Amino acid sequence: MACWACTLPADVLKSRVQIAPEGTYPRGVRDAFRQLVKQEGVAGLFKGVVPVMIRAFPANAGVFLGYEIAMKFFSWISPE
């Protein structure tokens, strides 16, 4: 969850550039950043934070569960 809090602003900017019509942001992320902060303030960089955080916990838990199951499976196949 802490990782998403740090990377969400970059992800928001990337998504804006990707979905914008061609030519909207001639300098890419820099123009998207300027326009977003001008129109919505710094809080605009964190749009969608609630669904991302709700998703982050179960998604990461699933990754750790998959890792632990895989490690037990490999230990079972090839005990040392």
C-alpha atoms as a PDB file:
ATOM      1  CA  MET A   1       0.000   0.000   0.000  1.00  0.00           C
ATOM      2  CA  ALA A   2       2.897   2.337   0.762  1.00  0.00           C
ATOM      3  CA  CYS A   3       4.331   1.611  -2.678  1.00  0.00           C
ATOM      4  CA  TRP A   4       1.057   2.596  -4.353  1.00  0.00           C
ATOM      5  CA  ALA A   5       0.898   5.814  -2.327  1.00  0.00           C
ATOM      6  CA  CYS A   6       4.300   6.749  -3.757  1.00  0.00           C
ATOM      7  CA  THR A   7       3.663   5.669  -7.331  1.00  0.00           C
ATOM      8  CA  LEU A   8       0.033   6.775  -7.754  1.00  0.00           C
ATOM      9  CA  PRO A   9       0.836  10.325  -8.968  1.00  0.00           C
ATOM     10  CA  ALA A  10       3.065   8.967 -11.746  1.00  0.00           C
ATOM     11  CA  ASP A  11       0.419   6.396 -12.649  1.00  0.00           C
ATOM     12  CA  VAL A  12      -2.285   9.083 -12.847  1.00  0.00           C
ATOM     13  CA  LEU A  13      -0.118  11.176 -15.161  1.00  0.00           C
ATOM     14  CA  LYS A  14       0.755   8.166 -17.325  1.00  0.00           C
ATOM     15  CA  SER A  15      -2.910   7.272 -17.671  1.00  0.00           C
ATOM     16  CA  ARG A  16      -3.838  10.836 -18.611  1.00  0.00           C
ATOM     17  CA  VAL A  17      -1.215  10.924 -21.337  1.00  0.00           C
ATOM     18  CA  GLN A  18      -2.291   7.508 -22.653  1.00  0.00           C
ATOM     19  CA  ILE A  19      -6.002   8.322 -22.935  1.00  0.00           C
ATOM     20  CA  ALA A  20      -5.636  11.890 -24.226  1.00  0.00           C
ATOM     21  CA  PRO A  21      -6.144  12.575 -27.920  1.00  0.00           C
ATOM     22  CA  GLU A  22      -2.890  12.876 -29.811  1.00  0.00           C
ATOM     23  CA  GLY A  23      -1.330  16.325 -29.504  1.00  0.00           C
ATOM     24  CA  THR A  24      -3.028  17.192 -26.200  1.00  0.00           C
ATOM     25  CA  TYR A  25       0.232  16.945 -24.268  1.00  0.00           C
ATOM     26  CA  PRO A  26       3.061  17.803 -26.694  1.00  0.00           C
ATOM     27  CA  ARG A  27       5.731  17.406 -23.991  1.00  0.00           C
ATOM     28  CA  GLY A  28       4.120  14.334 -22.510  1.00  0.00           C
ATOM     29  CA  VAL A  29       4.015  13.915 -18.745  1.00  0.00           C
ATOM     30  CA  ARG A  30       5.397  17.414 -18.077  1.00  0.00           C
ATOM     31  CA  ASP A  31       2.442  19.045 -19.837  1.00  0.00           C
ATOM     32  CA  ALA A  32       0.004  16.635 -18.219  1.00  0.00           C
ATOM     33  CA  PHE A  33       1.431  17.503 -14.794  1.00  0.00           C
ATOM     34  CA  ARG A  34       1.175  21.258 -15.357  1.00  0.00           C
ATOM     35  CA  GLN A  35      -2.391  21.056 -16.642  1.00  0.00           C
ATOM     36  CA  LEU A  36      -3.571  18.677 -13.916  1.00  0.00           C
ATOM     37  CA  VAL A  37      -2.117  20.741 -11.057  1.00  0.00           C
ATOM     38  CA  LYS A  38      -3.457  23.951 -12.611  1.00  0.00           C
ATOM     39  CA  GLN A  39      -7.011  22.568 -12.984  1.00  0.00           C
ATOM     40  CA  GLU A  40      -7.350  20.250  -9.978  1.00  0.00           C
ATOM     41  CA  GLY A  41      -4.503  21.108  -7.641  1.00  0.00           C
ATOM     42  CA  VAL A  42      -2.037  18.638  -6.149  1.00  0.00           C
ATOM     43  CA  ALA A  43      -4.957  16.484  -4.937  1.00  0.00           C
ATOM     44  CA  GLY A  44      -5.649  15.661  -8.596  1.00  0.00           C
ATOM     45  CA  LEU A  45      -2.489  13.555  -8.596  1.00  0.00           C
ATOM     46  CA  PHE A  46      -4.170  11.215  -6.123  1.00  0.00           C
ATOM     47  CA  LYS A  47      -7.430  10.652  -7.998  1.00  0.00           C
ATOM     48  CA  GLY A  48      -8.545   7.076  -7.544  1.00  0.00           C
ATOM     49  CA  VAL A  49      -6.544   6.488  -4.366  1.00  0.00           C
ATOM     50  CA  VAL A  50      -9.426   4.787  -2.532  1.00  0.00           C
ATOM     51  CA  PRO A  51     -10.037   1.970  -5.050  1.00  0.00           C
ATOM     52  CA  VAL A  52      -6.290   1.475  -5.478  1.00  0.00           C
ATOM     53  CA  MET A  53      -5.786   1.081  -1.730  1.00  0.00           C
ATOM     54  CA  ILE A  54      -8.797  -1.213  -1.383  1.00  0.00           C
ATOM     55  CA  ARG A  55      -7.355  -3.388  -4.144  1.00  0.00           C
ATOM     56  CA  ALA A  56      -3.752  -3.254  -2.898  1.00  0.00           C
ATOM     57  CA  PHE A  57      -4.201  -5.246   0.293  1.00  0.00           C
ATOM     58  CA  PRO A  58      -5.949  -8.338  -1.158  1.00  0.00           C
ATOM     59  CA  ALA A  59      -3.793  -8.285  -4.306  1.00  0.00           C
ATOM     60  CA  ASN A  60      -0.554  -8.286  -2.315  1.00  0.00           C
ATOM     61  CA  ALA A  61      -1.925 -10.898   0.064  1.00  0.00           C
ATOM     62  CA  GLY A  62      -2.649 -13.108  -2.957  1.00  0.00           C
ATOM     63  CA  VAL A  63       0.901 -12.684  -4.210  1.00  0.00           C
ATOM     64  CA  PHE A  64       2.365 -13.717  -0.860  1.00  0.00           C
ATOM     65  CA  LEU A  65      -0.041 -16.656  -0.607  1.00  0.00           C
ATOM     66  CA  GLY A  66       0.943 -17.810  -4.104  1.00  0.00           C
ATOM     67  CA  TYR A  67       4.620 -17.530  -3.202  1.00  0.00           C
ATOM     68  CA  GLU A  68       4.215 -19.567  -0.025  1.00  0.00           C
ATOM     69  CA  ILE A  69       2.187 -22.271  -1.795  1.00  0.00           C
ATOM     70  CA  ALA A  70       4.770 -22.460  -4.591  1.00  0.00           C
ATOM     71  CA  MET A  71       7.625 -22.770  -2.091  1.00  0.00           C
ATOM     72  CA  LYS A  72       5.845 -25.582  -0.228  1.00  0.00           C
ATOM     73  CA  PHE A  73       5.131 -27.325  -3.542  1.00  0.00           C
ATOM     74  CA  PHE A  74       8.763 -27.103  -4.647  1.00  0.00           C
ATOM     75  CA  SER A  75       9.937 -28.351  -1.250  1.00  0.00           C
ATOM     76  CA  TRP A  76       7.558 -31.286  -1.591  1.00  0.00           C
ATOM     77  CA  ILE A  77       8.811 -32.097  -5.117  1.00  0.00           C
ATOM     78  CA  SER A  78      12.500 -31.745  -4.299  1.00  0.00           C
ATOM     79  CA  PRO A  79      13.147 -32.122  -0.567  1.00  0.00           C
ATOM     80  CA  GLU A  80      16.658 -31.308   0.560  1.00  0.00           C
END
